[in-house]
Amino acid sequence: MTGLFRSIPLLIAIAGMAVHAKAQVGVFQDVLGRITGEAVPAAVSPGARKRLLDLCRHPAELSHDIRTLDPVHVVGRPEGVFGDDPLVDGIAVLEYGYSIELAFTAHDDATLSCLRLDGLHVISGDAAPEIWLSPHLDRCEHGLTLAHELQHVIHYQDHLRRFRGLLDRELDERLGGRSWTWVQHGDVDGAEARLTEHVSDMVDALNRRSRRHAMMLDEELDSPESYRTLFARCRKLERSQWSVVR
């Protein structure tokens, strides 16, 4: 406590973002939440107002843990969209989801209080990609199918590196001075909800921007023309193959 001001750390809020990449492409909107500080009541002295605003505007600590793990081969057929389709010869399970950990601090004096984002930590890529290949593939089919699924893994890992780079380059600038809000009528939960939505929208916009590129490459790789070219080498022109992301 310094002077008449109090700084109260609040509990960490975890906003889980289990994003289903292909299933929800296009669902999210590009509109970012905007949070601006409301006018300070005139009764507050200019000096007190400046000291409180300086505390409220203190920048948040931004960090991330985004990994690019090596793929693992699984024997059991993965459950999911294509898990029971007998025509599916290969499946790559890729976790495009991410989570956000948010820490907040409340500052107040005798008449006013604000809530600011104290820390933001983004986590993604913590589940290793899984590749399953049908045990009924012959040698030619096995090699081609493995190469196909590994290409999907490459697209996924490139996405993780892009996402990490976007967070490093753009998140701080996007937040700017909009990482705090006044607490109205003692409603700390409401202020926390506004900040959480605001920050989550910004992170999600960066994630979607990176993910769109990976999805485009995956769609090209999974096109009928690509399959025909791939399996012509093994005389399996009608065989289908898919990659599953969740």
C-alpha atoms as a PDB file:
ATOM      1  CA  MET A   1       0.000   0.000   0.000  1.00  0.00           C
ATOM      2  CA  THR A   2       1.351   3.403  -1.008  1.00  0.00           C
ATOM      3  CA  GLY A   3      -0.346   6.542   0.251  1.00  0.00           C
ATOM      4  CA  LEU A   4      -4.098   6.325  -0.245  1.00  0.00           C
ATOM      5  CA  PHE A   5      -3.847   3.835  -3.083  1.00  0.00           C
ATOM      6  CA  ARG A   6      -4.293   0.093  -2.746  1.00  0.00           C
ATOM      7  CA  SER A   7      -3.249  -2.567  -5.229  1.00  0.00           C
ATOM      8  CA  ILE A   8      -5.047  -5.868  -4.795  1.00  0.00           C
ATOM      9  CA  PRO A   9      -3.935  -8.893  -6.840  1.00  0.00           C
ATOM     10  CA  LEU A  10      -6.892 -10.990  -7.919  1.00  0.00           C
ATOM     11  CA  LEU A  11      -7.039 -14.672  -8.622  1.00  0.00           C
ATOM     12  CA  ILE A  12      -5.850 -15.947 -11.968  1.00  0.00           C
ATOM     13  CA  ALA A  13      -8.651 -16.535 -14.434  1.00  0.00           C
ATOM     14  CA  ILE A  14      -8.131 -19.315 -16.947  1.00  0.00           C
ATOM     15  CA  ALA A  15     -10.027 -18.847 -20.179  1.00  0.00           C
ATOM     16  CA  GLY A  16      -9.859 -22.174 -21.989  1.00  0.00           C
ATOM     17  CA  MET A  17     -10.053 -21.943 -25.779  1.00  0.00           C
ATOM     18  CA  ALA A  18     -10.565 -25.433 -27.167  1.00  0.00           C
ATOM     19  CA  VAL A  19     -10.734 -24.260 -30.759  1.00  0.00           C
ATOM     20  CA  HIS A  20     -11.871 -26.880 -33.277  1.00  0.00           C
ATOM     21  CA  ALA A  21      -9.971 -25.718 -36.315  1.00  0.00           C
ATOM     22  CA  LYS A  22     -11.838 -27.159 -39.297  1.00  0.00           C
ATOM     23  CA  ALA A  23     -15.167 -27.554 -37.591  1.00  0.00           C
ATOM     24  CA  GLN A  24     -15.389 -23.882 -36.683  1.00  0.00           C
ATOM     25  CA  VAL A  25     -13.581 -22.026 -39.443  1.00  0.00           C
ATOM     26  CA  GLY A  26     -15.566 -18.906 -40.229  1.00  0.00           C
ATOM     27  CA  VAL A  27     -17.630 -19.005 -37.039  1.00  0.00           C
ATOM     28  CA  PHE A  28     -15.611 -16.376 -35.236  1.00  0.00           C
ATOM     29  CA  GLN A  29     -15.961 -12.705 -36.082  1.00  0.00           C
ATOM     30  CA  ASP A  30     -13.094 -10.316 -36.696  1.00  0.00           C
ATOM     31  CA  VAL A  31     -14.520  -7.547 -34.529  1.00  0.00           C
ATOM     32  CA  LEU A  32     -12.242  -6.886 -31.574  1.00  0.00           C
ATOM     33  CA  GLY A  33     -13.662  -5.798 -28.251  1.00  0.00           C
ATOM     34  CA  ARG A  34     -12.852  -2.220 -27.341  1.00  0.00           C
ATOM     35  CA  ILE A  35     -12.364  -1.112 -23.760  1.00  0.00           C
ATOM     36  CA  THR A  36     -11.832   2.536 -22.920  1.00  0.00           C
ATOM     37  CA  GLY A  37     -11.589   4.201 -19.542  1.00  0.00           C
ATOM     38  CA  GLU A  38     -14.705   6.124 -18.607  1.00  0.00           C
ATOM     39  CA  ALA A  39     -14.347   9.722 -17.544  1.00  0.00           C
ATOM     40  CA  VAL A  40     -13.037  10.179 -14.018  1.00  0.00           C
ATOM     41  CA  PRO A  41     -15.534  12.013 -11.773  1.00  0.00           C
ATOM     42  CA  ALA A  42     -14.788  15.724 -11.529  1.00  0.00           C
ATOM     43  CA  ALA A  43     -14.653  15.539  -7.735  1.00  0.00           C
ATOM     44  CA  VAL A  44     -11.376  13.648  -7.911  1.00  0.00           C
ATOM     45  CA  SER A  45      -8.359  15.940  -7.681  1.00  0.00           C
ATOM     46  CA  PRO A  46      -6.059  16.064 -10.730  1.00  0.00           C
ATOM     47  CA  GLY A  47      -3.129  14.742  -8.705  1.00  0.00           C
ATOM     48  CA  ALA A  48      -5.070  11.776  -7.356  1.00  0.00           C
ATOM     49  CA  ARG A  49      -6.488  11.078 -10.787  1.00  0.00           C
ATOM     50  CA  LYS A  50      -3.031  11.001 -12.375  1.00  0.00           C
ATOM     51  CA  ARG A  51      -1.593   8.684  -9.724  1.00  0.00           C
ATOM     52  CA  LEU A  52      -4.474   6.247 -10.095  1.00  0.00           C
ATOM     53  CA  LEU A  53      -4.352   6.361 -13.889  1.00  0.00           C
ATOM     54  CA  ASP A  54      -0.614   5.660 -13.826  1.00  0.00           C
ATOM     55  CA  LEU A  55      -1.316   2.508 -11.823  1.00  0.00           C
ATOM     56  CA  CYS A  56      -4.230   1.467 -14.019  1.00  0.00           C
ATOM     57  CA  ARG A  57      -2.227   1.921 -17.212  1.00  0.00           C
ATOM     58  CA  HIS A  58       0.766  -0.102 -16.090  1.00  0.00           C
ATOM     59  CA  PRO A  59       1.473  -2.539 -18.953  1.00  0.00           C
ATOM     60  CA  ALA A  60       0.698  -6.212 -18.545  1.00  0.00           C
ATOM     61  CA  GLU A  61       3.366  -8.902 -18.611  1.00  0.00           C
ATOM     62  CA  LEU A  62       2.868 -10.983 -21.774  1.00  0.00           C
ATOM     63  CA  SER A  63       4.266 -14.490 -22.203  1.00  0.00           C
ATOM     64  CA  HIS A  64       3.549 -17.746 -23.998  1.00  0.00           C
ATOM     65  CA  ASP A  65       4.398 -21.431 -24.027  1.00  0.00           C
ATOM     66  CA  ILE A  66       3.892 -22.641 -27.597  1.00  0.00           C
ATOM     67  CA  ARG A  67       5.596 -25.908 -28.462  1.00  0.00           C
ATOM     68  CA  THR A  68       6.223 -27.778 -31.712  1.00  0.00           C
ATOM     69  CA  LEU A  69       6.356 -31.382 -30.539  1.00  0.00           C
ATOM     70  CA  ASP A  70       7.364 -34.284 -32.763  1.00  0.00           C
ATOM     71  CA  PRO A  71       4.510 -36.510 -33.978  1.00  0.00           C
ATOM     72  CA  VAL A  72       3.867 -39.883 -32.394  1.00  0.00           C
ATOM     73  CA  HIS A  73       2.495 -42.984 -34.105  1.00  0.00           C
ATOM     74  CA  VAL A  74      -0.539 -44.583 -32.501  1.00  0.00           C
ATOM     75  CA  VAL A  75      -1.762 -48.141 -33.025  1.00  0.00           C
ATOM     76  CA  GLY A  76      -5.378 -47.714 -32.004  1.00  0.00           C
ATOM     77  CA  ARG A  77      -7.635 -45.944 -34.468  1.00  0.00           C
ATOM     78  CA  PRO A  78      -8.444 -42.433 -33.129  1.00  0.00           C
ATOM     79  CA  GLU A  79     -12.042 -41.721 -32.249  1.00  0.00           C
ATOM     80  CA  GLY A  80     -13.663 -38.814 -34.003  1.00  0.00           C
ATOM     81  CA  VAL A  81     -15.055 -37.652 -37.305  1.00  0.00           C
ATOM     82  CA  PHE A  82     -13.398 -40.291 -39.472  1.00  0.00           C
ATOM     83  CA  GLY A  83     -12.538 -42.810 -36.799  1.00  0.00           C
ATOM     84  CA  ASP A  84     -15.054 -45.410 -38.000  1.00  0.00           C
ATOM     85  CA  ASP A  85     -14.914 -44.850 -41.768  1.00  0.00           C
ATOM     86  CA  PRO A  86     -13.497 -48.002 -43.421  1.00  0.00           C
ATOM     87  CA  LEU A  87     -12.237 -45.963 -46.398  1.00  0.00           C
ATOM     88  CA  VAL A  88      -9.946 -43.876 -44.232  1.00  0.00           C
ATOM     89  CA  ASP A  89      -6.369 -45.131 -44.402  1.00  0.00           C
ATOM     90  CA  GLY A  90      -4.599 -42.421 -42.403  1.00  0.00           C
ATOM     91  CA  ILE A  91      -5.485 -39.923 -39.712  1.00  0.00           C
ATOM     92  CA  ALA A  92      -3.459 -37.045 -38.267  1.00  0.00           C
ATOM     93  CA  VAL A  93      -4.855 -35.723 -34.990  1.00  0.00           C
ATOM     94  CA  LEU A  94      -3.718 -32.118 -34.492  1.00  0.00           C
ATOM     95  CA  GLU A  95      -4.668 -29.986 -31.497  1.00  0.00           C
ATOM     96  CA  TYR A  96      -5.160 -26.456 -32.809  1.00  0.00           C
ATOM     97  CA  GLY A  97      -6.701 -25.386 -29.522  1.00  0.00           C
ATOM     98  CA  TYR A  98      -5.051 -23.029 -27.057  1.00  0.00           C
ATOM     99  CA  SER A  99      -5.650 -21.683 -23.583  1.00  0.00           C
ATOM    100  CA  ILE A 100      -5.160 -18.300 -21.966  1.00  0.00           C
ATOM    101  CA  GLU A 101      -4.191 -17.585 -18.371  1.00  0.00           C
ATOM    102  CA  LEU A 102      -5.069 -14.106 -17.166  1.00  0.00           C
ATOM    103  CA  ALA A 103      -4.021 -12.376 -13.941  1.00  0.00           C
ATOM    104  CA  PHE A 104      -5.670  -9.148 -12.795  1.00  0.00           C
ATOM    105  CA  THR A 105      -4.849  -6.463 -10.230  1.00  0.00           C
ATOM    106  CA  ALA A 106      -7.325  -3.988  -8.745  1.00  0.00           C
ATOM    107  CA  HIS A 107      -6.190  -0.463  -7.800  1.00  0.00           C
ATOM    108  CA  ASP A 108      -8.310   1.913  -5.768  1.00  0.00           C
ATOM    109  CA  ASP A 109      -8.264   5.061  -3.687  1.00  0.00           C
ATOM    110  CA  ALA A 110     -11.005   6.468  -1.502  1.00  0.00           C
ATOM    111  CA  THR A 111     -13.412   7.117  -4.376  1.00  0.00           C
ATOM    112  CA  LEU A 112     -12.334   5.198  -7.477  1.00  0.00           C
ATOM    113  CA  SER A 113     -11.123   1.747  -8.435  1.00  0.00           C
ATOM    114  CA  CYS A 114      -9.901   0.157 -11.629  1.00  0.00           C
ATOM    115  CA  LEU A 115      -9.017  -3.329 -12.772  1.00  0.00           C
ATOM    116  CA  ARG A 116      -6.042  -3.907 -15.005  1.00  0.00           C
ATOM    117  CA  LEU A 117      -4.587  -6.908 -16.755  1.00  0.00           C
ATOM    118  CA  ASP A 118      -1.470  -7.827 -14.810  1.00  0.00           C
ATOM    119  CA  GLY A 119      -0.354 -10.867 -16.808  1.00  0.00           C
ATOM    120  CA  LEU A 120      -1.321 -12.815 -19.921  1.00  0.00           C
ATOM    121  CA  HIS A 121       0.044 -16.274 -20.724  1.00  0.00           C
ATOM    122  CA  VAL A 122      -0.909 -18.202 -23.884  1.00  0.00           C
ATOM    123  CA  ILE A 123      -0.452 -21.977 -24.106  1.00  0.00           C
ATOM    124  CA  SER A 124      -0.656 -24.056 -27.285  1.00  0.00           C
ATOM    125  CA  GLY A 125       0.970 -27.066 -28.904  1.00  0.00           C
ATOM    126  CA  ASP A 126       1.234 -28.972 -25.624  1.00  0.00           C
ATOM    127  CA  ALA A 127      -0.247 -32.152 -27.156  1.00  0.00           C
ATOM    128  CA  ALA A 128       1.971 -34.063 -29.580  1.00  0.00           C
ATOM    129  CA  PRO A 129       0.480 -34.682 -33.052  1.00  0.00           C
ATOM    130  CA  GLU A 130      -0.763 -38.253 -33.470  1.00  0.00           C
ATOM    131  CA  ILE A 131      -0.566 -40.260 -36.695  1.00  0.00           C
ATOM    132  CA  TRP A 132      -2.523 -43.440 -37.291  1.00  0.00           C
ATOM    133  CA  LEU A 133      -2.070 -45.628 -40.379  1.00  0.00           C
ATOM    134  CA  SER A 134      -4.292 -48.523 -41.362  1.00  0.00           C
ATOM    135  CA  PRO A 135      -2.613 -51.895 -40.744  1.00  0.00           C
ATOM    136  CA  HIS A 136      -4.058 -53.105 -44.064  1.00  0.00           C
ATOM    137  CA  LEU A 137      -1.919 -50.817 -46.222  1.00  0.00           C
ATOM    138  CA  ASP A 138       0.688 -52.421 -48.441  1.00  0.00           C
ATOM    139  CA  ARG A 139       4.233 -51.098 -48.543  1.00  0.00           C
ATOM    140  CA  CYS A 140       3.574 -48.542 -51.284  1.00  0.00           C
ATOM    141  CA  GLU A 141       0.381 -47.262 -49.683  1.00  0.00           C
ATOM    142  CA  HIS A 142       1.987 -47.096 -46.257  1.00  0.00           C
ATOM    143  CA  GLY A 143       4.833 -44.884 -47.445  1.00  0.00           C
ATOM    144  CA  LEU A 144       2.581 -42.512 -49.373  1.00  0.00           C
ATOM    145  CA  THR A 145       0.023 -42.263 -46.590  1.00  0.00           C
ATOM    146  CA  LEU A 146       2.692 -41.581 -43.974  1.00  0.00           C
ATOM    147  CA  ALA A 147       4.207 -38.822 -46.117  1.00  0.00           C
ATOM    148  CA  HIS A 148       0.744 -37.312 -46.597  1.00  0.00           C
ATOM    149  CA  GLU A 149      -0.036 -37.217 -42.876  1.00  0.00           C
ATOM    150  CA  LEU A 150       3.407 -35.848 -42.050  1.00  0.00           C
ATOM    151  CA  GLN A 151       2.727 -32.974 -44.445  1.00  0.00           C
ATOM    152  CA  HIS A 152      -0.351 -32.113 -42.392  1.00  0.00           C
ATOM    153  CA  VAL A 153       1.862 -32.127 -39.297  1.00  0.00           C
ATOM    154  CA  ILE A 154       4.246 -29.706 -41.024  1.00  0.00           C
ATOM    155  CA  HIS A 155       1.342 -27.344 -41.753  1.00  0.00           C
ATOM    156  CA  TYR A 156       0.315 -27.551 -38.100  1.00  0.00           C
ATOM    157  CA  GLN A 157       3.803 -26.893 -36.759  1.00  0.00           C
ATOM    158  CA  ASP A 158       4.226 -23.961 -39.148  1.00  0.00           C
ATOM    159  CA  HIS A 159       0.971 -22.576 -37.735  1.00  0.00           C
ATOM    160  CA  LEU A 160       2.319 -22.809 -34.186  1.00  0.00           C
ATOM    161  CA  ARG A 161       5.472 -20.931 -35.168  1.00  0.00           C
ATOM    162  CA  ARG A 162       3.411 -18.274 -36.956  1.00  0.00           C
ATOM    163  CA  PHE A 163       1.078 -17.908 -33.981  1.00  0.00           C
ATOM    164  CA  ARG A 164       4.031 -17.505 -31.640  1.00  0.00           C
ATOM    165  CA  GLY A 165       5.539 -14.861 -33.920  1.00  0.00           C
ATOM    166  CA  LEU A 166       2.268 -12.932 -34.149  1.00  0.00           C
ATOM    167  CA  LEU A 167       1.981 -12.888 -30.366  1.00  0.00           C
ATOM    168  CA  ASP A 168       5.535 -11.578 -30.060  1.00  0.00           C
ATOM    169  CA  ARG A 169       5.128  -8.908 -32.732  1.00  0.00           C
ATOM    170  CA  GLU A 170       1.555  -7.707 -32.439  1.00  0.00           C
ATOM    171  CA  LEU A 171      -0.177  -8.530 -29.170  1.00  0.00           C
ATOM    172  CA  ASP A 172       1.448  -5.790 -27.099  1.00  0.00           C
ATOM    173  CA  GLU A 173       0.661  -3.192 -29.763  1.00  0.00           C
ATOM    174  CA  ARG A 174      -2.937  -4.408 -30.061  1.00  0.00           C
ATOM    175  CA  LEU A 175      -3.456  -4.143 -26.320  1.00  0.00           C
ATOM    176  CA  GLY A 176      -1.931  -0.678 -26.188  1.00  0.00           C
ATOM    177  CA  GLY A 177      -3.494   1.254 -23.330  1.00  0.00           C
ATOM    178  CA  ARG A 178      -6.700  -0.791 -23.410  1.00  0.00           C
ATOM    179  CA  SER A 179      -5.747  -3.421 -20.866  1.00  0.00           C
ATOM    180  CA  TRP A 180      -7.662  -1.889 -17.955  1.00  0.00           C
ATOM    181  CA  THR A 181     -11.158  -0.634 -17.090  1.00  0.00           C
ATOM    182  CA  TRP A 182     -12.902   1.217 -14.293  1.00  0.00           C
ATOM    183  CA  VAL A 183     -14.748  -0.860 -11.726  1.00  0.00           C
ATOM    184  CA  GLN A 184     -18.300   0.449 -11.739  1.00  0.00           C
ATOM    185  CA  HIS A 185     -20.335   0.282  -8.512  1.00  0.00           C
ATOM    186  CA  GLY A 186     -17.953  -2.290  -7.031  1.00  0.00           C
ATOM    187  CA  ASP A 187     -18.675  -4.796  -9.823  1.00  0.00           C
ATOM    188  CA  VAL A 188     -15.233  -6.416 -10.050  1.00  0.00           C
ATOM    189  CA  ASP A 189     -16.651  -9.543 -11.713  1.00  0.00           C
ATOM    190  CA  GLY A 190     -18.174  -7.459 -14.482  1.00  0.00           C
ATOM    191  CA  ALA A 191     -14.914  -5.591 -15.063  1.00  0.00           C
ATOM    192  CA  GLU A 192     -13.015  -8.881 -15.157  1.00  0.00           C
ATOM    193  CA  ALA A 193     -15.493 -10.316 -17.658  1.00  0.00           C
ATOM    194  CA  ARG A 194     -15.077  -7.298 -19.960  1.00  0.00           C
ATOM    195  CA  LEU A 195     -11.299  -7.486 -19.867  1.00  0.00           C
ATOM    196  CA  THR A 196     -11.319 -11.258 -20.373  1.00  0.00           C
ATOM    197  CA  GLU A 197     -13.519 -10.966 -23.453  1.00  0.00           C
ATOM    198  CA  HIS A 198     -11.447  -8.089 -24.805  1.00  0.00           C
ATOM    199  CA  VAL A 199      -8.102  -9.865 -24.440  1.00  0.00           C
ATOM    200  CA  SER A 200      -9.456 -13.231 -25.597  1.00  0.00           C
ATOM    201  CA  ASP A 201     -10.790 -11.645 -28.786  1.00  0.00           C
ATOM    202  CA  MET A 202      -7.360 -10.215 -29.557  1.00  0.00           C
ATOM    203  CA  VAL A 203      -5.547 -13.507 -29.031  1.00  0.00           C
ATOM    204  CA  ASP A 204      -8.172 -15.390 -31.012  1.00  0.00           C
ATOM    205  CA  ALA A 205      -7.859 -12.978 -33.943  1.00  0.00           C
ATOM    206  CA  LEU A 206      -4.122 -13.698 -34.146  1.00  0.00           C
ATOM    207  CA  ASN A 207      -4.697 -17.439 -33.831  1.00  0.00           C
ATOM    208  CA  ARG A 208      -7.332 -17.460 -36.579  1.00  0.00           C
ATOM    209  CA  ARG A 209      -5.096 -15.433 -38.857  1.00  0.00           C
ATOM    210  CA  SER A 210      -2.363 -18.036 -38.571  1.00  0.00           C
ATOM    211  CA  ARG A 211      -4.741 -20.990 -38.655  1.00  0.00           C
ATOM    212  CA  ARG A 212      -6.439 -19.869 -41.878  1.00  0.00           C
ATOM    213  CA  HIS A 213      -3.190 -20.330 -43.773  1.00  0.00           C
ATOM    214  CA  ALA A 214      -2.730 -23.867 -42.424  1.00  0.00           C
ATOM    215  CA  MET A 215      -6.337 -24.759 -43.256  1.00  0.00           C
ATOM    216  CA  MET A 216      -5.896 -23.544 -46.828  1.00  0.00           C
ATOM    217  CA  LEU A 217      -2.841 -25.753 -47.297  1.00  0.00           C
ATOM    218  CA  ASP A 218      -4.654 -28.718 -45.729  1.00  0.00           C
ATOM    219  CA  GLU A 219      -7.600 -28.305 -48.080  1.00  0.00           C
ATOM    220  CA  GLU A 220      -5.269 -28.327 -51.078  1.00  0.00           C
ATOM    221  CA  LEU A 221      -3.531 -31.427 -49.749  1.00  0.00           C
ATOM    222  CA  ASP A 222      -6.872 -33.188 -49.197  1.00  0.00           C
ATOM    223  CA  SER A 223      -8.360 -32.321 -52.586  1.00  0.00           C
ATOM    224  CA  PRO A 224      -9.623 -35.147 -54.870  1.00  0.00           C
ATOM    225  CA  GLU A 225      -6.983 -34.211 -57.437  1.00  0.00           C
ATOM    226  CA  SER A 226      -4.271 -34.577 -54.824  1.00  0.00           C
ATOM    227  CA  TYR A 227      -5.550 -38.032 -53.828  1.00  0.00           C
ATOM    228  CA  ARG A 228      -5.775 -39.221 -57.427  1.00  0.00           C
ATOM    229  CA  THR A 229      -2.220 -38.130 -58.097  1.00  0.00           C
ATOM    230  CA  LEU A 230      -1.006 -39.635 -54.838  1.00  0.00           C
ATOM    231  CA  PHE A 231      -2.549 -43.069 -55.208  1.00  0.00           C
ATOM    232  CA  ALA A 232      -2.035 -43.443 -58.940  1.00  0.00           C
ATOM    233  CA  ARG A 233       1.415 -44.645 -57.981  1.00  0.00           C
ATOM    234  CA  CYS A 234      -0.147 -47.512 -56.043  1.00  0.00           C
ATOM    235  CA  ARG A 235      -3.058 -48.183 -58.468  1.00  0.00           C
ATOM    236  CA  LYS A 236      -5.617 -47.180 -55.822  1.00  0.00           C
ATOM    237  CA  LEU A 237      -7.387 -44.377 -57.647  1.00  0.00           C
ATOM    238  CA  GLU A 238     -10.609 -44.542 -55.657  1.00  0.00           C
ATOM    239  CA  ARG A 239      -9.079 -44.785 -52.206  1.00  0.00           C
ATOM    240  CA  SER A 240      -9.772 -41.868 -49.867  1.00  0.00           C
ATOM    241  CA  GLN A 241      -7.681 -40.477 -47.087  1.00  0.00           C
ATOM    242  CA  TRP A 242      -8.261 -37.696 -44.597  1.00  0.00           C
ATOM    243  CA  SER A 243      -6.652 -35.715 -41.847  1.00  0.00           C
ATOM    244  CA  VAL A 244      -8.650 -35.025 -38.727  1.00  0.00           C
ATOM    245  CA  VAL A 245      -8.063 -31.945 -36.613  1.00  0.00           C
ATOM    246  CA  ARG A 246      -9.764 -31.130 -33.367  1.00  0.00           C
END
